Protein backbone atom coordinates (compact mmCIF):
# COMPACT_ATOMS: atom_id res chain seq x y z
CA MET A 1 -11.21 19.44 4.37
CA ARG A 2 -8.69 19.09 1.92
CA ARG A 3 -5.67 18.77 4.49
CA LYS A 4 -8.02 16.34 6.43
CA VAL A 5 -8.38 14.02 3.05
CA ARG A 6 -4.59 14.48 2.55
CA GLU A 7 -3.62 13.42 5.73
CA ILE A 8 -6.03 10.18 5.74
CA LEU A 9 -4.75 9.42 2.24
CA LEU A 10 -1.06 9.44 3.53
CA GLN A 11 -1.69 7.15 6.19
CA ILE A 12 -3.63 4.74 3.94
CA ALA A 13 -0.39 4.86 1.63
CA VAL A 14 2.08 3.99 4.45
CA ILE A 15 -0.22 1.29 6.08
CA CYS A 16 -0.25 -0.37 2.45
CA SER A 17 3.48 0.07 1.80
CA LEU A 18 4.29 -1.45 5.05
CA ASP A 19 1.94 -4.27 4.49
CA CYS A 20 3.54 -4.85 1.24
CA ILE A 21 7.09 -4.91 2.35
CA ALA A 22 6.06 -7.53 5.16
CA ALA A 23 4.39 -9.26 2.49
CA ALA A 24 7.81 -9.37 0.31
CA VAL A 25 9.67 -10.47 3.64
CA LEU A 26 7.27 -13.14 4.32
CA ASP A 27 7.56 -14.41 0.62
CA TRP A 28 11.16 -14.37 0.98
CA TYR A 29 11.27 -16.82 4.15
CA ASN A 30 8.53 -18.83 2.67
CA PRO A 31 7.72 -18.61 -1.22
CA TYR A 32 5.48 -21.74 -1.21
CA MET A 33 2.64 -19.31 0.59
CA ASN A 34 2.78 -16.77 -2.62
CA PHE A 35 2.32 -13.67 0.16
CA THR A 36 3.11 -10.93 -2.74
CA GLY A 37 0.56 -12.67 -5.08
CA HIS A 38 -2.33 -12.32 -2.59
CA SER A 39 -1.56 -8.71 -1.38
CA PHE A 40 -2.89 -7.72 -5.03
CA PHE A 41 -5.59 -5.66 -3.62
CA LEU A 42 -3.05 -3.54 -1.17
CA GLN A 43 -0.91 -2.82 -4.54
CA ILE A 44 -3.49 -1.42 -6.21
CA THR A 45 -4.88 0.48 -3.19
CA LEU A 46 -1.23 1.88 -2.86
CA TYR A 47 -1.00 2.84 -6.51
CA LEU A 48 -4.42 4.51 -6.31
CA THR A 49 -3.65 6.20 -3.04
CA VAL A 50 -0.37 7.81 -4.21
CA GLY A 51 -1.79 8.64 -7.54
CA VAL A 52 -4.81 10.79 -6.06
CA LEU A 53 -2.30 12.32 -3.58
CA PHE A 54 -0.02 13.32 -6.68
CA PHE A 55 -3.15 15.14 -8.31
CA LEU A 56 -4.38 16.84 -4.78
CA SER A 57 -0.71 18.48 -4.34
């Protein structure tokens, strides 16, 4: 059970980090759209996921 939760959290962390990278690249090309400002929920989700993974290991 713990291993399955860890695998799911790792996938969530990878997805959130890739999405944050994509938002940063899009913001670099078009700063007026403020993509990084709109990805606040993804950043919070990434931080919480990594924090939980840190305590599980």
